[in-house]
Structures are given as structure tokens and as C-alpha cells.
Amino acid sequence: MMNQREAARQAPGLCGRCVHAAWIRNDRGSEFLRCGRSDSDPRYVKFPLVPVLICAGYEAGEPKQDAKVR
């Protein structure tokens, strides 16, 4: 059975299954998906509105897990 956190992480569409995405957690425990493509390509939004259904930069894979907001 899936817990609430796992269920929430499946909701973001393509970003939840993209190697360029990273889950970011702030000090209060809120989580956001950050697009790593935004570091080198201005066409990509740093924190996209989810669910993302179409993305030219999508590459299948697992997002990085639980990075801390700086």
C-alpha cells in the first residue's frame, strides 16, 4: 500500500519521472520539484507548475531525492 508522501510524488506528471528533476524540501517540510534543465536553459522554469504533461526536455528516470533548500 502506498503512503501519502508516495502518492503525492506521483501527481506531478512528467517531472515525477524525469532525471532532470529534483525534490527540494524546505525547513518547514514542504516539498517542491525543481527542474535541473533550468540551470543551463532559460526555456525551462526552475519550479514548474505541476502536473507537467508535455516537456521537450523530459528524459525518463528517477528524480534526485530530498535536496535541502539553500
N, C-alpha and C. Protein backbone atom coordinates (compact mmCIF):
# COMPACT_ATOMS: atom_id res chain seq x y z
N MET A 1 0.84 -1.19 0.00
CA MET A 1 0.00 0.00 0.00
C MET A 1 0.88 1.25 0.00
N MET A 2 0.46 2.27 -0.72
CA MET A 2 1.22 3.49 -0.90
C MET A 2 0.91 4.48 0.24
N ASN A 3 1.96 5.11 0.80
CA ASN A 3 1.70 6.11 1.83
C ASN A 3 1.39 7.46 1.17
N GLN A 4 1.00 8.44 1.97
CA GLN A 4 0.57 9.73 1.46
C GLN A 4 1.68 10.46 0.71
N ARG A 5 2.90 10.37 1.20
CA ARG A 5 4.03 11.04 0.54
C ARG A 5 4.30 10.43 -0.83
N GLU A 6 4.28 9.12 -0.93
CA GLU A 6 4.50 8.45 -2.21
C GLU A 6 3.39 8.81 -3.20
N ALA A 7 2.16 8.89 -2.74
CA ALA A 7 1.04 9.25 -3.61
C ALA A 7 1.21 10.68 -4.13
N ALA A 8 1.63 11.59 -3.28
CA ALA A 8 1.83 12.98 -3.69
C ALA A 8 2.94 13.09 -4.72
N ARG A 9 3.95 12.27 -4.60
CA ARG A 9 5.08 12.32 -5.53
C ARG A 9 4.74 11.74 -6.90
N GLN A 10 3.64 11.05 -7.04
CA GLN A 10 3.24 10.54 -8.34
C GLN A 10 2.39 11.56 -9.10
N ALA A 11 1.90 12.57 -8.43
CA ALA A 11 0.99 13.54 -9.01
C ALA A 11 1.61 14.51 -10.01
N PRO A 12 2.92 14.79 -9.98
CA PRO A 12 3.45 15.87 -10.81
C PRO A 12 3.64 15.56 -12.30
N GLY A 13 3.08 14.50 -12.79
CA GLY A 13 3.18 14.21 -14.21
C GLY A 13 4.60 13.83 -14.61
N LEU A 14 5.07 14.37 -15.74
CA LEU A 14 6.39 14.00 -16.27
C LEU A 14 7.52 14.31 -15.31
N CYS A 15 7.45 15.40 -14.60
CA CYS A 15 8.54 15.78 -13.68
C CYS A 15 8.81 14.71 -12.64
N GLY A 16 7.79 14.02 -12.22
CA GLY A 16 7.95 12.98 -11.22
C GLY A 16 8.68 11.75 -11.73
N ARG A 17 8.94 11.72 -13.04
CA ARG A 17 9.64 10.58 -13.65
C ARG A 17 10.78 11.05 -14.55
N CYS A 18 11.36 12.21 -14.25
CA CYS A 18 12.41 12.80 -15.11
C CYS A 18 13.74 12.88 -14.36
N VAL A 19 14.82 12.52 -15.05
CA VAL A 19 16.15 12.56 -14.44
C VAL A 19 16.63 13.98 -14.13
N HIS A 20 16.03 14.97 -14.76
CA HIS A 20 16.45 16.35 -14.54
C HIS A 20 15.76 17.01 -13.36
N ALA A 21 14.77 16.34 -12.81
CA ALA A 21 14.02 16.89 -11.68
C ALA A 21 14.70 16.53 -10.36
N ALA A 22 14.46 17.35 -9.36
CA ALA A 22 14.96 17.07 -8.01
C ALA A 22 13.89 17.49 -7.02
N TRP A 23 13.64 16.65 -6.04
CA TRP A 23 12.72 17.00 -4.95
C TRP A 23 13.50 17.88 -3.98
N ILE A 24 12.95 19.04 -3.69
CA ILE A 24 13.56 20.01 -2.77
C ILE A 24 12.65 20.12 -1.55
N ARG A 25 13.22 20.09 -0.36
CA ARG A 25 12.45 20.22 0.87
C ARG A 25 12.94 21.46 1.62
N ASN A 26 12.00 22.32 2.04
CA ASN A 26 12.39 23.49 2.83
C ASN A 26 12.41 23.15 4.32
N ASP A 27 12.78 24.11 5.13
CA ASP A 27 12.90 23.89 6.57
C ASP A 27 11.59 23.52 7.24
N ARG A 28 10.47 23.87 6.61
CA ARG A 28 9.16 23.56 7.19
C ARG A 28 8.62 22.21 6.73
N GLY A 29 9.38 21.52 5.87
CA GLY A 29 8.96 20.20 5.42
C GLY A 29 8.17 20.18 4.12
N SER A 30 7.91 21.36 3.52
CA SER A 30 7.21 21.38 2.23
C SER A 30 8.15 20.90 1.15
N GLU A 31 7.61 20.22 0.14
CA GLU A 31 8.42 19.68 -0.93
C GLU A 31 8.02 20.28 -2.27
N PHE A 32 9.02 20.50 -3.13
CA PHE A 32 8.82 21.07 -4.45
C PHE A 32 9.68 20.32 -5.44
N LEU A 33 9.24 20.29 -6.69
CA LEU A 33 10.07 19.73 -7.75
C LEU A 33 10.82 20.86 -8.44
N ARG A 34 12.11 20.69 -8.59
CA ARG A 34 12.95 21.68 -9.25
C ARG A 34 13.47 21.07 -10.55
N CYS A 35 13.42 21.84 -11.62
CA CYS A 35 13.89 21.38 -12.92
C CYS A 35 15.37 21.73 -13.08
N GLY A 36 16.22 20.71 -13.20
CA GLY A 36 17.65 20.92 -13.38
C GLY A 36 17.99 21.51 -14.74
N ARG A 37 17.12 21.33 -15.71
CA ARG A 37 17.37 21.93 -17.04
C ARG A 37 17.38 23.45 -16.97
N SER A 38 16.70 24.02 -15.98
CA SER A 38 16.64 25.48 -15.85
C SER A 38 18.00 26.09 -15.53
N ASP A 39 18.95 25.29 -15.06
CA ASP A 39 20.29 25.81 -14.75
C ASP A 39 21.04 26.25 -16.00
N SER A 40 20.79 25.59 -17.12
CA SER A 40 21.54 25.89 -18.33
C SER A 40 20.68 26.33 -19.51
N ASP A 41 19.37 26.26 -19.37
CA ASP A 41 18.48 26.59 -20.48
C ASP A 41 17.31 27.43 -19.98
N PRO A 42 17.26 28.70 -20.37
CA PRO A 42 16.21 29.60 -19.86
C PRO A 42 14.80 29.25 -20.32
N ARG A 43 14.66 28.31 -21.24
CA ARG A 43 13.32 27.91 -21.68
C ARG A 43 12.59 27.10 -20.61
N TYR A 44 13.33 26.59 -19.63
CA TYR A 44 12.73 25.76 -18.59
C TYR A 44 12.58 26.55 -17.30
N VAL A 45 11.43 26.37 -16.66
CA VAL A 45 11.11 27.05 -15.41
C VAL A 45 11.77 26.29 -14.25
N LYS A 46 12.35 27.02 -13.32
CA LYS A 46 13.04 26.38 -12.18
C LYS A 46 12.09 25.50 -11.37
N PHE A 47 10.92 26.04 -11.03
CA PHE A 47 9.91 25.30 -10.28
C PHE A 47 8.62 25.28 -11.11
N PRO A 48 8.47 24.29 -12.00
CA PRO A 48 7.30 24.27 -12.90
C PRO A 48 6.00 24.00 -12.16
N LEU A 49 4.93 24.55 -12.72
CA LEU A 49 3.59 24.25 -12.19
C LEU A 49 3.26 22.82 -12.60
N VAL A 50 2.81 22.05 -11.67
CA VAL A 50 2.52 20.64 -11.94
C VAL A 50 1.02 20.40 -11.95
N PRO A 51 0.53 19.44 -12.69
CA PRO A 51 1.30 18.42 -13.39
C PRO A 51 1.79 18.90 -14.75
N VAL A 52 3.01 18.56 -15.08
CA VAL A 52 3.58 18.83 -16.39
C VAL A 52 3.23 17.63 -17.28
N LEU A 53 2.53 17.89 -18.38
CA LEU A 53 2.08 16.81 -19.25
C LEU A 53 2.90 16.71 -20.54
N ILE A 54 3.52 17.83 -20.95
CA ILE A 54 4.35 17.86 -22.16
C ILE A 54 5.61 18.64 -21.84
N CYS A 55 6.78 18.06 -22.17
CA CYS A 55 8.05 18.76 -21.93
C CYS A 55 9.09 18.25 -22.91
N ALA A 56 9.68 19.16 -23.68
CA ALA A 56 10.69 18.79 -24.67
C ALA A 56 11.96 18.27 -24.00
N GLY A 57 12.22 18.65 -22.76
CA GLY A 57 13.43 18.24 -22.07
C GLY A 57 13.29 16.98 -21.23
N TYR A 58 12.13 16.36 -21.27
CA TYR A 58 11.88 15.17 -20.46
C TYR A 58 12.80 14.01 -20.85
N GLU A 59 13.41 13.39 -19.84
CA GLU A 59 14.16 12.14 -20.03
C GLU A 59 13.76 11.20 -18.90
N ALA A 60 13.30 10.03 -19.27
CA ALA A 60 12.80 9.07 -18.28
C ALA A 60 13.88 8.69 -17.28
N GLY A 61 13.48 8.59 -16.04
CA GLY A 61 14.38 8.21 -14.96
C GLY A 61 13.84 8.70 -13.64
N GLU A 62 14.60 8.50 -12.59
CA GLU A 62 14.19 8.89 -11.26
C GLU A 62 14.72 10.28 -10.91
N PRO A 63 13.87 11.16 -10.35
CA PRO A 63 14.35 12.45 -9.87
C PRO A 63 15.31 12.27 -8.71
N LYS A 64 16.17 13.26 -8.50
CA LYS A 64 17.04 13.26 -7.32
C LYS A 64 16.15 13.42 -6.09
N GLN A 65 16.57 12.88 -4.98
CA GLN A 65 15.72 12.85 -3.79
C GLN A 65 16.16 13.83 -2.71
N ASP A 66 15.20 14.51 -2.15
CA ASP A 66 15.31 15.24 -0.90
C ASP A 66 16.52 16.14 -0.74
N ALA A 67 16.75 16.99 -1.71
CA ALA A 67 17.76 18.03 -1.54
C ALA A 67 17.19 19.10 -0.62
N LYS A 68 18.03 19.82 0.06
CA LYS A 68 17.61 20.86 1.01
C LYS A 68 17.66 22.21 0.32
N VAL A 69 16.67 23.06 0.54
CA VAL A 69 16.67 24.42 0.00
C VAL A 69 17.79 25.19 0.67
N ARG A 70 18.54 25.91 -0.15
CA ARG A 70 19.64 26.71 0.39
C ARG A 70 19.20 28.10 0.71
